[in-house]
Amino acid sequence: MAEGDLALPVPERGNDELAELARSFNGMTGRIREMLRSREQLLLDVSHELRSPMTRMRLALEFLDPSKTRDRLASDLAELEAMTSDILETARLDSAHPFCATCVPNTLRNAACIRCVTLW
């Protein structure tokens, strides 16, 4: 548990105070695990949802006549795209699974591992 493995439960033996504490502790780690999973999923969802409007903006910029305003908008959009990619990559790296050796290398290419997606 100290190494971050929240899936490993504390043994719940008996009906005394220690068993009650173990049950409470296991419940707490389950809630923490779920909150972390929800946070990761939110980051992934937000990053993916931002990509569509940014792609439309990139396409619209291509049709604008060259100007300082267009250049500033393109620069701002590039910054947004970089931040979104960083958030997405960080969330994917944080959610790497121990059951698939290809998961982490695939996240670097922004590609999902089929096995991990299926099991996750």
PDB file of N, CA and C in Angstrom:
ATOM      1  N   MET A   1       0.832  -1.188   0.000  1.00  0.00           N
ATOM      2  CA  MET A   1       0.000   0.000   0.000  1.00  0.00           C
ATOM      3  C   MET A   1       0.876   1.250   0.000  1.00  0.00           C
ATOM      4  N   ALA A   2       1.973   1.227   0.754  1.00  0.00           N
ATOM      5  CA  ALA A   2       2.850   2.394   0.843  1.00  0.00           C
ATOM      6  C   ALA A   2       3.463   2.736  -0.507  1.00  0.00           C
ATOM      7  N   GLU A   3       3.527   1.751  -1.414  1.00  0.00           N
ATOM      8  CA  GLU A   3       4.101   1.970  -2.735  1.00  0.00           C
ATOM      9  C   GLU A   3       3.053   2.379  -3.758  1.00  0.00           C
ATOM     10  N   GLY A   4       1.835   2.625  -3.321  1.00  0.00           N
ATOM     11  CA  GLY A   4       0.796   3.116  -4.211  1.00  0.00           C
ATOM     12  C   GLY A   4      -0.155   2.064  -4.731  1.00  0.00           C
ATOM     13  N   ASP A   5      -0.055   0.828  -4.275  1.00  0.00           N
ATOM     14  CA  ASP A   5      -0.961  -0.227  -4.716  1.00  0.00           C
ATOM     15  C   ASP A   5      -2.225  -0.194  -3.870  1.00  0.00           C
ATOM     16  N   LEU A   6      -3.236   0.527  -4.345  1.00  0.00           N
ATOM     17  CA  LEU A   6      -4.485   0.667  -3.599  1.00  0.00           C
ATOM     18  C   LEU A   6      -5.417  -0.522  -3.787  1.00  0.00           C
ATOM     19  N   ALA A   7      -5.053  -1.436  -4.671  1.00  0.00           N
ATOM     20  CA  ALA A   7      -5.909  -2.601  -4.918  1.00  0.00           C
ATOM     21  C   ALA A   7      -5.658  -3.721  -3.915  1.00  0.00           C
ATOM     22  N   LEU A   8      -4.599  -3.627  -3.154  1.00  0.00           N
ATOM     23  CA  LEU A   8      -4.259  -4.657  -2.178  1.00  0.00           C
ATOM     24  C   LEU A   8      -4.990  -4.369  -0.862  1.00  0.00           C
ATOM     25  N   PRO A   9      -5.991  -5.202  -0.517  1.00  0.00           N
ATOM     26  CA  PRO A   9      -6.760  -4.931   0.703  1.00  0.00           C
ATOM     27  C   PRO A   9      -6.020  -5.368   1.966  1.00  0.00           C
ATOM     28  N   VAL A  10      -6.380  -4.736   3.065  1.00  0.00           N
ATOM     29  CA  VAL A  10      -5.898  -5.135   4.381  1.00  0.00           C
ATOM     30  C   VAL A  10      -6.778  -6.303   4.823  1.00  0.00           C
ATOM     31  N   PRO A  11      -6.197  -7.393   5.320  1.00  0.00           N
ATOM     32  CA  PRO A  11      -7.016  -8.527   5.755  1.00  0.00           C
ATOM     33  C   PRO A  11      -8.014  -8.121   6.850  1.00  0.00           C
ATOM     34  N   GLU A  12      -9.245  -8.591   6.715  1.00  0.00           N
ATOM     35  CA  GLU A  12     -10.313  -8.297   7.676  1.00  0.00           C
ATOM     36  C   GLU A  12     -10.645  -9.584   8.423  1.00  0.00           C
ATOM     37  N   ARG A  13     -10.016  -9.803   9.543  1.00  0.00           N
ATOM     38  CA  ARG A  13     -10.239 -11.032  10.308  1.00  0.00           C
ATOM     39  C   ARG A  13     -10.963 -10.728  11.618  1.00  0.00           C
ATOM     40  N   GLY A  14     -12.030 -11.443  11.838  1.00  0.00           N
ATOM     41  CA  GLY A  14     -12.736 -11.302  13.106  1.00  0.00           C
ATOM     42  C   GLY A  14     -13.781 -10.204  13.093  1.00  0.00           C
ATOM     43  N   ASN A  15     -14.270  -9.901  14.300  1.00  0.00           N
ATOM     44  CA  ASN A  15     -15.299  -8.879  14.461  1.00  0.00           C
ATOM     45  C   ASN A  15     -14.896  -7.827  15.489  1.00  0.00           C
ATOM     46  N   ASP A  16     -13.619  -7.746  15.781  1.00  0.00           N
ATOM     47  CA  ASP A  16     -13.168  -6.791  16.791  1.00  0.00           C
ATOM     48  C   ASP A  16     -12.892  -5.421  16.164  1.00  0.00           C
ATOM     49  N   GLU A  17     -12.329  -4.527  16.956  1.00  0.00           N
ATOM     50  CA  GLU A  17     -12.051  -3.166  16.495  1.00  0.00           C
ATOM     51  C   GLU A  17     -11.044  -3.136  15.353  1.00  0.00           C
ATOM     52  N   LEU A  18     -10.064  -4.029  15.371  1.00  0.00           N
ATOM     53  CA  LEU A  18      -9.074  -4.079  14.294  1.00  0.00           C
ATOM     54  C   LEU A  18      -9.708  -4.503  12.969  1.00  0.00           C
ATOM     55  N   ALA A  19     -10.625  -5.445  13.028  1.00  0.00           N
ATOM     56  CA  ALA A  19     -11.325  -5.860  11.812  1.00  0.00           C
ATOM     57  C   ALA A  19     -12.182  -4.720  11.275  1.00  0.00           C
ATOM     58  N   GLU A  20     -12.825  -4.002  12.182  1.00  0.00           N
ATOM     59  CA  GLU A  20     -13.640  -2.844  11.770  1.00  0.00           C
ATOM     60  C   GLU A  20     -12.753  -1.767  11.150  1.00  0.00           C
ATOM     61  N   LEU A  21     -11.591  -1.551  11.757  1.00  0.00           N
ATOM     62  CA  LEU A  21     -10.636  -0.594  11.206  1.00  0.00           C
ATOM     63  C   LEU A  21     -10.168  -1.033   9.822  1.00  0.00           C
ATOM     64  N   ALA A  22      -9.885  -2.318   9.654  1.00  0.00           N
ATOM     65  CA  ALA A  22      -9.460  -2.849   8.357  1.00  0.00           C
ATOM     66  C   ALA A  22     -10.555  -2.653   7.315  1.00  0.00           C
ATOM     67  N   ARG A  23     -11.815  -2.914   7.673  1.00  0.00           N
ATOM     68  CA  ARG A  23     -12.925  -2.701   6.734  1.00  0.00           C
ATOM     69  C   ARG A  23     -13.041  -1.231   6.345  1.00  0.00           C
ATOM     70  N   SER A  24     -12.921  -0.358   7.326  1.00  0.00           N
ATOM     71  CA  SER A  24     -12.988   1.082   7.048  1.00  0.00           C
ATOM     72  C   SER A  24     -11.825   1.508   6.154  1.00  0.00           C
ATOM     73  N   PHE A  25     -10.644   0.987   6.456  1.00  0.00           N
ATOM     74  CA  PHE A  25      -9.466   1.325   5.668  1.00  0.00           C
ATOM     75  C   PHE A  25      -9.617   0.832   4.227  1.00  0.00           C
ATOM     76  N   ASN A  26     -10.107  -0.388   4.051  1.00  0.00           N
ATOM     77  CA  ASN A  26     -10.328  -0.920   2.703  1.00  0.00           C
ATOM     78  C   ASN A  26     -11.379  -0.104   1.951  1.00  0.00           C
ATOM     79  N   GLY A  27     -12.413   0.321   2.660  1.00  0.00           N
ATOM     80  CA  GLY A  27     -13.420   1.184   2.030  1.00  0.00           C
ATOM     81  C   GLY A  27     -12.827   2.505   1.593  1.00  0.00           C
ATOM     82  N   MET A  28     -11.975   3.059   2.448  1.00  0.00           N
ATOM     83  CA  MET A  28     -11.332   4.328   2.116  1.00  0.00           C
ATOM     84  C   MET A  28     -10.428   4.183   0.890  1.00  0.00           C
ATOM     85  N   THR A  29      -9.632   3.116   0.842  1.00  0.00           N
ATOM     86  CA  THR A  29      -8.751   2.941  -0.314  1.00  0.00           C
ATOM     87  C   THR A  29      -9.562   2.714  -1.587  1.00  0.00           C
ATOM     88  N   GLY A  30     -10.698   2.045  -1.470  1.00  0.00           N
ATOM     89  CA  GLY A  30     -11.573   1.869  -2.634  1.00  0.00           C
ATOM     90  C   GLY A  30     -12.100   3.203  -3.144  1.00  0.00           C
ATOM     91  N   ARG A  31     -12.494   4.069  -2.218  1.00  0.00           N
ATOM     92  CA  ARG A  31     -12.992   5.396  -2.623  1.00  0.00           C
ATOM     93  C   ARG A  31     -11.867   6.231  -3.238  1.00  0.00           C
ATOM     94  N   ILE A  32     -10.671   6.157  -2.678  1.00  0.00           N
ATOM     95  CA  ILE A  32      -9.527   6.896  -3.235  1.00  0.00           C
ATOM     96  C   ILE A  32      -9.216   6.383  -4.636  1.00  0.00           C
ATOM     97  N   ARG A  33      -9.217   5.062  -4.805  1.00  0.00           N
ATOM     98  CA  ARG A  33      -8.950   4.460  -6.115  1.00  0.00           C
ATOM     99  C   ARG A  33      -9.974   4.950  -7.140  1.00  0.00           C
ATOM    100  N   GLU A  34     -11.224   4.999  -6.748  1.00  0.00           N
ATOM    101  CA  GLU A  34     -12.282   5.461  -7.653  1.00  0.00           C
ATOM    102  C   GLU A  34     -12.120   6.952  -7.978  1.00  0.00           C
ATOM    103  N   MET A  35     -11.752   7.759  -6.986  1.00  0.00           N
ATOM    104  CA  MET A  35     -11.534   9.192  -7.241  1.00  0.00           C
ATOM    105  C   MET A  35     -10.370   9.386  -8.215  1.00  0.00           C
ATOM    106  N   LEU A  36      -9.298   8.634  -8.043  1.00  0.00           N
ATOM    107  CA  LEU A  36      -8.157   8.745  -8.955  1.00  0.00           C
ATOM    108  C   LEU A  36      -8.539   8.306 -10.364  1.00  0.00           C
ATOM    109  N   ARG A  37      -9.309   7.230 -10.471  1.00  0.00           N
ATOM    110  CA  ARG A  37      -9.760   6.766 -11.780  1.00  0.00           C
ATOM    111  C   ARG A  37     -10.650   7.820 -12.444  1.00  0.00           C
ATOM    112  N   SER A  38     -11.535   8.415 -11.660  1.00  0.00           N
ATOM    113  CA  SER A  38     -12.425   9.456 -12.197  1.00  0.00           C
ATOM    114  C   SER A  38     -11.634  10.670 -12.658  1.00  0.00           C
ATOM    115  N   ARG A  39     -10.625  11.053 -11.890  1.00  0.00           N
ATOM    116  CA  ARG A  39      -9.783  12.191 -12.256  1.00  0.00           C
ATOM    117  C   ARG A  39      -9.057  11.922 -13.572  1.00  0.00           C
ATOM    118  N   GLU A  40      -8.483  10.737 -13.699  1.00  0.00           N
ATOM    119  CA  GLU A  40      -7.788  10.375 -14.937  1.00  0.00           C
ATOM    120  C   GLU A  40      -8.750  10.383 -16.121  1.00  0.00           C
ATOM    121  N   GLN A  41      -9.930   9.819 -15.918  1.00  0.00           N
ATOM    122  CA  GLN A  41     -10.910   9.772 -16.997  1.00  0.00           C
ATOM    123  C   GLN A  41     -11.361  11.175 -17.389  1.00  0.00           C
ATOM    124  N   LEU A  42     -11.550  12.050 -16.414  1.00  0.00           N
ATOM    125  CA  LEU A  42     -11.926  13.428 -16.705  1.00  0.00           C
ATOM    126  C   LEU A  42     -10.858  14.118 -17.543  1.00  0.00           C
ATOM    127  N   LEU A  43      -9.598  13.954 -17.163  1.00  0.00           N
ATOM    128  CA  LEU A  43      -8.506  14.565 -17.930  1.00  0.00           C
ATOM    129  C   LEU A  43      -8.483  14.045 -19.361  1.00  0.00           C
ATOM    130  N   LEU A  44      -8.647  12.739 -19.516  1.00  0.00           N
ATOM    131  CA  LEU A  44      -8.668  12.163 -20.857  1.00  0.00           C
ATOM    132  C   LEU A  44      -9.857  12.681 -21.665  1.00  0.00           C
ATOM    133  N   ASP A  45     -11.022  12.715 -21.039  1.00  0.00           N
ATOM    134  CA  ASP A  45     -12.231  13.177 -21.737  1.00  0.00           C
ATOM    135  C   ASP A  45     -12.120  14.643 -22.145  1.00  0.00           C
ATOM    136  N   VAL A  46     -11.665  15.492 -21.233  1.00  0.00           N
ATOM    137  CA  VAL A  46     -11.538  16.921 -21.535  1.00  0.00           C
ATOM    138  C   VAL A  46     -10.544  17.130 -22.670  1.00  0.00           C
ATOM    139  N   SER A  47      -9.412  16.452 -22.591  1.00  0.00           N
ATOM    140  CA  SER A  47      -8.403  16.600 -23.635  1.00  0.00           C
ATOM    141  C   SER A  47      -8.937  16.172 -24.988  1.00  0.00           C
ATOM    142  N   HIS A  48      -9.649  15.047 -25.023  1.00  0.00           N
ATOM    143  CA  HIS A  48     -10.214  14.583 -26.289  1.00  0.00           C
ATOM    144  C   HIS A  48     -11.276  15.545 -26.807  1.00  0.00           C
ATOM    145  N   GLU A  49     -12.114  16.041 -25.914  1.00  0.00           N
ATOM    146  CA  GLU A  49     -13.181  16.948 -26.326  1.00  0.00           C
ATOM    147  C   GLU A  49     -12.632  18.277 -26.844  1.00  0.00           C
ATOM    148  N   LEU A  50     -11.494  18.705 -26.358  1.00  0.00           N
ATOM    149  CA  LEU A  50     -10.901  19.955 -26.822  1.00  0.00           C
ATOM    150  C   LEU A  50     -10.292  19.818 -28.215  1.00  0.00           C
ATOM    151  N   ARG A  51      -9.932  18.628 -28.605  1.00  0.00           N
ATOM    152  CA  ARG A  51      -9.282  18.434 -29.903  1.00  0.00           C
ATOM    153  C   ARG A  51     -10.196  18.781 -31.075  1.00  0.00           C
ATOM    154  N   SER A  52     -11.470  18.465 -31.006  1.00  0.00           N
ATOM    155  CA  SER A  52     -12.383  18.754 -32.127  1.00  0.00           C
ATOM    156  C   SER A  52     -12.510  20.249 -32.404  1.00  0.00           C
ATOM    157  N   PRO A  53     -12.810  21.084 -31.386  1.00  0.00           N
ATOM    158  CA  PRO A  53     -12.896  22.515 -31.689  1.00  0.00           C
ATOM    159  C   PRO A  53     -11.548  23.102 -32.130  1.00  0.00           C
ATOM    160  N   MET A  54     -10.465  22.576 -31.586  1.00  0.00           N
ATOM    161  CA  MET A  54      -9.158  23.100 -32.000  1.00  0.00           C
ATOM    162  C   MET A  54      -8.864  22.727 -33.457  1.00  0.00           C
ATOM    163  N   THR A  55      -9.300  21.564 -33.881  1.00  0.00           N
ATOM    164  CA  THR A  55      -9.125  21.170 -35.279  1.00  0.00           C
ATOM    165  C   THR A  55      -9.946  22.066 -36.191  1.00  0.00           C
ATOM    166  N   ARG A  56     -11.185  22.381 -35.771  1.00  0.00           N
ATOM    167  CA  ARG A  56     -12.014  23.301 -36.570  1.00  0.00           C
ATOM    168  C   ARG A  56     -11.377  24.691 -36.638  1.00  0.00           C
ATOM    169  N   MET A  57     -10.795  25.128 -35.513  1.00  0.00           N
ATOM    170  CA  MET A  57     -10.134  26.439 -35.496  1.00  0.00           C
ATOM    171  C   MET A  57      -8.921  26.428 -36.435  1.00  0.00           C
ATOM    172  N   ARG A  58      -8.148  25.337 -36.409  1.00  0.00           N
ATOM    173  CA  ARG A  58      -6.972  25.220 -37.272  1.00  0.00           C
ATOM    174  C   ARG A  58      -7.401  25.293 -38.733  1.00  0.00           C
ATOM    175  N   LEU A  59      -8.474  24.605 -39.077  1.00  0.00           N
ATOM    176  CA  LEU A  59      -8.988  24.622 -40.444  1.00  0.00           C
ATOM    177  C   LEU A  59      -9.459  26.023 -40.833  1.00  0.00           C
ATOM    178  N   ALA A  60     -10.172  26.698 -39.943  1.00  0.00           N
ATOM    179  CA  ALA A  60     -10.649  28.060 -40.216  1.00  0.00           C
ATOM    180  C   ALA A  60      -9.476  29.019 -40.408  1.00  0.00           C
ATOM    181  N   LEU A  61      -8.417  28.842 -39.637  1.00  0.00           N
ATOM    182  CA  LEU A  61      -7.237  29.703 -39.775  1.00  0.00           C
ATOM    183  C   LEU A  61      -6.601  29.566 -41.155  1.00  0.00           C
ATOM    184  N   GLU A  62      -6.656  28.376 -41.716  1.00  0.00           N
ATOM    185  CA  GLU A  62      -6.056  28.140 -43.029  1.00  0.00           C
ATOM    186  C   GLU A  62      -6.754  28.949 -44.131  1.00  0.00           C
ATOM    187  N   PHE A  63      -8.008  29.307 -43.898  1.00  0.00           N
ATOM    188  CA  PHE A  63      -8.762  30.060 -44.897  1.00  0.00           C
ATOM    189  C   PHE A  63      -8.650  31.571 -44.718  1.00  0.00           C
ATOM    190  N   LEU A  64      -8.045  32.015 -43.630  1.00  0.00           N
ATOM    191  CA  LEU A  64      -7.867  33.454 -43.409  1.00  0.00           C
ATOM    192  C   LEU A  64      -6.676  33.971 -44.211  1.00  0.00           C
ATOM    193  N   ASP A  65      -6.803  35.208 -44.639  1.00  0.00           N
ATOM    194  CA  ASP A  65      -5.679  35.842 -45.330  1.00  0.00           C
ATOM    195  C   ASP A  65      -4.545  36.066 -44.340  1.00  0.00           C
ATOM    196  N   PRO A  66      -3.309  35.982 -44.800  1.00  0.00           N
ATOM    197  CA  PRO A  66      -2.169  36.221 -43.898  1.00  0.00           C
ATOM    198  C   PRO A  66      -2.243  37.612 -43.263  1.00  0.00           C
ATOM    199  N   SER A  67      -2.079  37.655 -41.968  1.00  0.00           N
ATOM    200  CA  SER A  67      -2.086  38.915 -41.230  1.00  0.00           C
ATOM    201  C   SER A  67      -1.471  38.670 -39.859  1.00  0.00           C
ATOM    202  N   LYS A  68      -1.231  39.785 -39.147  1.00  0.00           N
ATOM    203  CA  LYS A  68      -0.695  39.653 -37.787  1.00  0.00           C
ATOM    204  C   LYS A  68      -1.702  38.974 -36.875  1.00  0.00           C
ATOM    205  N   THR A  69      -2.967  39.300 -37.059  1.00  0.00           N
ATOM    206  CA  THR A  69      -4.019  38.702 -36.249  1.00  0.00           C
ATOM    207  C   THR A  69      -4.066  37.193 -36.470  1.00  0.00           C
ATOM    208  N   ARG A  70      -3.993  36.769 -37.733  1.00  0.00           N
ATOM    209  CA  ARG A  70      -3.989  35.332 -38.052  1.00  0.00           C
ATOM    210  C   ARG A  70      -2.787  34.658 -37.404  1.00  0.00           C
ATOM    211  N   ASP A  71      -1.629  35.299 -37.479  1.00  0.00           N
ATOM    212  CA  ASP A  71      -0.417  34.728 -36.887  1.00  0.00           C
ATOM    213  C   ASP A  71      -0.546  34.600 -35.369  1.00  0.00           C
ATOM    214  N   ARG A  72      -1.132  35.610 -34.720  1.00  0.00           N
ATOM    215  CA  ARG A  72      -1.328  35.541 -33.266  1.00  0.00           C
ATOM    216  C   ARG A  72      -2.311  34.442 -32.899  1.00  0.00           C
ATOM    217  N   LEU A  73      -3.392  34.329 -33.673  1.00  0.00           N
ATOM    218  CA  LEU A  73      -4.367  33.262 -33.416  1.00  0.00           C
ATOM    219  C   LEU A  73      -3.726  31.883 -33.620  1.00  0.00           C
ATOM    220  N   ALA A  74      -2.934  31.748 -34.665  1.00  0.00           N
ATOM    221  CA  ALA A  74      -2.259  30.468 -34.913  1.00  0.00           C
ATOM    222  C   ALA A  74      -1.294  30.140 -33.780  1.00  0.00           C
ATOM    223  N   SER A  75      -0.604  31.133 -33.265  1.00  0.00           N
ATOM    224  CA  SER A  75       0.314  30.925 -32.145  1.00  0.00           C
ATOM    225  C   SER A  75      -0.445  30.510 -30.882  1.00  0.00           C
ATOM    226  N   ASP A  76      -1.545  31.197 -30.610  1.00  0.00           N
ATOM    227  CA  ASP A  76      -2.371  30.841 -29.445  1.00  0.00           C
ATOM    228  C   ASP A  76      -2.936  29.428 -29.581  1.00  0.00           C
ATOM    229  N   LEU A  77      -3.367  29.080 -30.773  1.00  0.00           N
ATOM    230  CA  LEU A  77      -3.914  27.753 -31.009  1.00  0.00           C
ATOM    231  C   LEU A  77      -2.833  26.684 -30.838  1.00  0.00           C
ATOM    232  N   ALA A  78      -1.634  26.960 -31.318  1.00  0.00           N
ATOM    233  CA  ALA A  78      -0.526  26.017 -31.143  1.00  0.00           C
ATOM    234  C   ALA A  78      -0.230  25.808 -29.659  1.00  0.00           C
ATOM    235  N   GLU A  79      -0.308  26.871 -28.880  1.00  0.00           N
ATOM    236  CA  GLU A  79      -0.090  26.765 -27.439  1.00  0.00           C
ATOM    237  C   GLU A  79      -1.188  25.907 -26.783  1.00  0.00           C
ATOM    238  N   LEU A  80      -2.438  26.122 -27.175  1.00  0.00           N
ATOM    239  CA  LEU A  80      -3.543  25.313 -26.656  1.00  0.00           C
ATOM    240  C   LEU A  80      -3.377  23.838 -27.028  1.00  0.00           C
ATOM    241  N   GLU A  81      -2.960  23.592 -28.271  1.00  0.00           N
ATOM    242  CA  GLU A  81      -2.766  22.215 -28.710  1.00  0.00           C
ATOM    243  C   GLU A  81      -1.640  21.545 -27.922  1.00  0.00           C
ATOM    244  N   ALA A  82      -0.577  22.277 -27.650  1.00  0.00           N
ATOM    245  CA  ALA A  82       0.533  21.726 -26.878  1.00  0.00           C
ATOM    246  C   ALA A  82       0.102  21.426 -25.441  1.00  0.00           C
ATOM    247  N   MET A  83      -0.647  22.340 -24.829  1.00  0.00           N
ATOM    248  CA  MET A  83      -1.119  22.102 -23.463  1.00  0.00           C
ATOM    249  C   MET A  83      -2.052  20.897 -23.410  1.00  0.00           C
ATOM    250  N   THR A  84      -2.944  20.788 -24.382  1.00  0.00           N
ATOM    251  CA  THR A  84      -3.876  19.667 -24.424  1.00  0.00           C
ATOM    252  C   THR A  84      -3.127  18.352 -24.610  1.00  0.00           C
ATOM    253  N   SER A  85      -2.143  18.345 -25.488  1.00  0.00           N
ATOM    254  CA  SER A  85      -1.342  17.134 -25.690  1.00  0.00           C
ATOM    255  C   SER A  85      -0.589  16.756 -24.422  1.00  0.00           C
ATOM    256  N   ASP A  86      -0.055  17.757 -23.728  1.00  0.00           N
ATOM    257  CA  ASP A  86       0.658  17.487 -22.471  1.00  0.00           C
ATOM    258  C   ASP A  86      -0.268  16.895 -21.422  1.00  0.00           C
ATOM    259  N   ILE A  87      -1.475  17.452 -21.306  1.00  0.00           N
ATOM    260  CA  ILE A  87      -2.448  16.936 -20.336  1.00  0.00           C
ATOM    261  C   ILE A  87      -2.824  15.504 -20.692  1.00  0.00           C
ATOM    262  N   LEU A  88      -3.090  15.263 -21.961  1.00  0.00           N
ATOM    263  CA  LEU A  88      -3.478  13.930 -22.408  1.00  0.00           C
ATOM    264  C   LEU A  88      -2.354  12.925 -22.179  1.00  0.00           C
ATOM    265  N   GLU A  89      -1.147  13.294 -22.509  1.00  0.00           N
ATOM    266  CA  GLU A  89      -0.014  12.384 -22.317  1.00  0.00           C
ATOM    267  C   GLU A  89       0.220  12.104 -20.831  1.00  0.00           C
ATOM    268  N   THR A  90       0.117  13.132 -20.006  1.00  0.00           N
ATOM    269  CA  THR A  90       0.293  12.948 -18.563  1.00  0.00           C
ATOM    270  C   THR A  90      -0.772  12.018 -18.001  1.00  0.00           C
ATOM    271  N   ALA A  91      -2.018  12.223 -18.399  1.00  0.00           N
ATOM    272  CA  ALA A  91      -3.100  11.360 -17.911  1.00  0.00           C
ATOM    273  C   ALA A  91      -2.897   9.928 -18.356  1.00  0.00           C
ATOM    274  N   ARG A  92      -2.453   9.733 -19.586  1.00  0.00           N
ATOM    275  CA  ARG A  92      -2.221   8.375 -20.077  1.00  0.00           C
ATOM    276  C   ARG A  92      -1.050   7.721 -19.357  1.00  0.00           C
ATOM    277  N   LEU A  93       0.004   8.478 -19.124  1.00  0.00           N
ATOM    278  CA  LEU A  93       1.148   7.906 -18.412  1.00  0.00           C
ATOM    279  C   LEU A  93       0.780   7.568 -16.978  1.00  0.00           C
ATOM    280  N   ASP A  94      -0.030   8.424 -16.343  1.00  0.00           N
ATOM    281  CA  ASP A  94      -0.462   8.164 -14.966  1.00  0.00           C
ATOM    282  C   ASP A  94      -1.366   6.938 -14.871  1.00  0.00           C
ATOM    283  N   SER A  95      -2.051   6.610 -15.963  1.00  0.00           N
ATOM    284  CA  SER A  95      -2.985   5.495 -15.912  1.00  0.00           C
ATOM    285  C   SER A  95      -2.411   4.243 -16.554  1.00  0.00           C
ATOM    286  N   ALA A  96      -1.104   4.164 -16.732  1.00  0.00           N
ATOM    287  CA  ALA A  96      -0.485   2.967 -17.306  1.00  0.00           C
ATOM    288  C   ALA A  96      -0.761   1.765 -16.416  1.00  0.00           C
ATOM    289  N   HIS A  97      -1.000   0.642 -17.028  1.00  0.00           N
ATOM    290  CA  HIS A  97      -1.401  -0.560 -16.304  1.00  0.00           C
ATOM    291  C   HIS A  97      -0.242  -1.535 -16.222  1.00  0.00           C
ATOM    292  N   PRO A  98      -0.111  -2.259 -15.111  1.00  0.00           N
ATOM    293  CA  PRO A  98       0.958  -3.232 -14.988  1.00  0.00           C
ATOM    294  C   PRO A  98       0.735  -4.484 -15.832  1.00  0.00           C
ATOM    295  N   PHE A  99      -0.496  -4.716 -16.328  1.00  0.00           N
ATOM    296  CA  PHE A  99      -0.761  -5.949 -17.048  1.00  0.00           C
ATOM    297  C   PHE A  99      -0.430  -5.878 -18.530  1.00  0.00           C
ATOM    298  N   CYS A 100       0.107  -4.763 -19.003  1.00  0.00           N
ATOM    299  CA  CYS A 100       0.438  -4.667 -20.417  1.00  0.00           C
ATOM    300  C   CYS A 100       1.761  -3.947 -20.613  1.00  0.00           C
ATOM    301  N   ALA A 101       2.735  -4.649 -21.138  1.00  0.00           N
ATOM    302  CA  ALA A 101       4.069  -4.072 -21.317  1.00  0.00           C
ATOM    303  C   ALA A 101       4.107  -3.034 -22.428  1.00  0.00           C
ATOM    304  N   THR A 102       3.118  -3.029 -23.322  1.00  0.00           N
ATOM    305  CA  THR A 102       3.128  -2.071 -24.425  1.00  0.00           C
ATOM    306  C   THR A 102       2.381  -0.790 -24.114  1.00  0.00           C
ATOM    307  N   CYS A 103       1.719  -0.724 -22.962  1.00  0.00           N
ATOM    308  CA  CYS A 103       0.872   0.422 -22.644  1.00  0.00           C
ATOM    309  C   CYS A 103       1.664   1.727 -22.606  1.00  0.00           C
ATOM    310  N   VAL A 104       2.761   1.768 -21.854  1.00  0.00           N
ATOM    311  CA  VAL A 104       3.521   3.013 -21.720  1.00  0.00           C
ATOM    312  C   VAL A 104       4.131   3.445 -23.049  1.00  0.00           C
ATOM    313  N   PRO A 105       4.813   2.559 -23.812  1.00  0.00           N
ATOM    314  CA  PRO A 105       5.327   3.008 -25.108  1.00  0.00           C
ATOM    315  C   PRO A 105       4.233   3.513 -26.035  1.00  0.00           C
ATOM    316  N   ASN A 106       3.044   2.889 -25.999  1.00  0.00           N
ATOM    317  CA  ASN A 106       1.955   3.347 -26.853  1.00  0.00           C
ATOM    318  C   ASN A 106       1.479   4.733 -26.467  1.00  0.00           C
ATOM    319  N   THR A 107       1.502   5.074 -25.177  1.00  0.00           N
ATOM    320  CA  THR A 107       1.025   6.389 -24.775  1.00  0.00           C
ATOM    321  C   THR A 107       1.931   7.468 -25.336  1.00  0.00           C
ATOM    322  N   LEU A 108       3.199   7.153 -25.527  1.00  0.00           N
ATOM    323  CA  LEU A 108       4.114   8.148 -26.072  1.00  0.00           C
ATOM    324  C   LEU A 108       3.775   8.467 -27.519  1.00  0.00           C
ATOM    325  N   ARG A 109       3.112   7.550 -28.199  1.00  0.00           N
ATOM    326  CA  ARG A 109       2.680   7.781 -29.575  1.00  0.00           C
ATOM    327  C   ARG A 109       1.225   8.225 -29.623  1.00  0.00           C
ATOM    328  N   ASN A 110       0.633   8.484 -28.456  1.00  0.00           N
ATOM    329  CA  ASN A 110      -0.785   8.857 -28.345  1.00  0.00           C
ATOM    330  C   ASN A 110      -1.699   7.818 -28.986  1.00  0.00           C
ATOM    331  N   ALA A 111      -1.311   6.555 -28.877  1.00  0.00           N
ATOM    332  CA  ALA A 111      -2.144   5.464 -29.379  1.00  0.00           C
ATOM    333  C   ALA A 111      -2.555   4.599 -28.202  1.00  0.00           C
ATOM    334  N   ALA A 112      -3.767   4.130 -28.248  1.00  0.00           N
ATOM    335  CA  ALA A 112      -4.255   3.299 -27.142  1.00  0.00           C
ATOM    336  C   ALA A 112      -3.839   1.855 -27.369  1.00  0.00           C
ATOM    337  N   CYS A 113      -3.517   1.189 -26.300  1.00  0.00           N
ATOM    338  CA  CYS A 113      -3.212  -0.233 -26.344  1.00  0.00           C
ATOM    339  C   CYS A 113      -4.532  -0.985 -26.364  1.00  0.00           C
ATOM    340  N   ILE A 114      -4.742  -1.803 -27.356  1.00  0.00           N
ATOM    341  CA  ILE A 114      -6.009  -2.514 -27.515  1.00  0.00           C
ATOM    342  C   ILE A 114      -6.300  -3.377 -26.292  1.00  0.00           C
ATOM    343  N   ARG A 115      -5.300  -4.084 -25.773  1.00  0.00           N
ATOM    344  CA  ARG A 115      -5.513  -4.933 -24.608  1.00  0.00           C
ATOM    345  C   ARG A 115      -5.925  -4.101 -23.396  1.00  0.00           C
ATOM    346  N   CYS A 116      -5.240  -2.985 -23.167  1.00  0.00           N
ATOM    347  CA  CYS A 116      -5.557  -2.153 -22.006  1.00  0.00           C
ATOM    348  C   CYS A 116      -6.941  -1.528 -22.137  1.00  0.00           C
ATOM    349  N   VAL A 117      -7.279  -1.065 -23.325  1.00  0.00           N
ATOM    350  CA  VAL A 117      -8.601  -0.469 -23.526  1.00  0.00           C
ATOM    351  C   VAL A 117      -9.674  -1.515 -23.262  1.00  0.00           C
ATOM    352  N   THR A 118      -9.438  -2.747 -23.712  1.00  0.00           N
ATOM    353  CA  THR A 118     -10.408  -3.811 -23.515  1.00  0.00           C
ATOM    354  C   THR A 118     -10.553  -4.161 -22.033  1.00  0.00           C
ATOM    355  N   LEU A 119      -9.421  -4.251 -21.327  1.00  0.00           N
ATOM    356  CA  LEU A 119      -9.471  -4.649 -19.933  1.00  0.00           C
ATOM    357  C   LEU A 119      -9.803  -3.498 -19.004  1.00  0.00           C
ATOM    358  N   TRP A 120      -9.557  -2.263 -19.421  1.00  0.00           N
ATOM    359  CA  TRP A 120      -9.748  -1.113 -18.554  1.00  0.00           C
ATOM    360  C   TRP A 120     -11.166  -0.777 -18.533  1.00  0.00           C
TER     361      TRP A 120
END
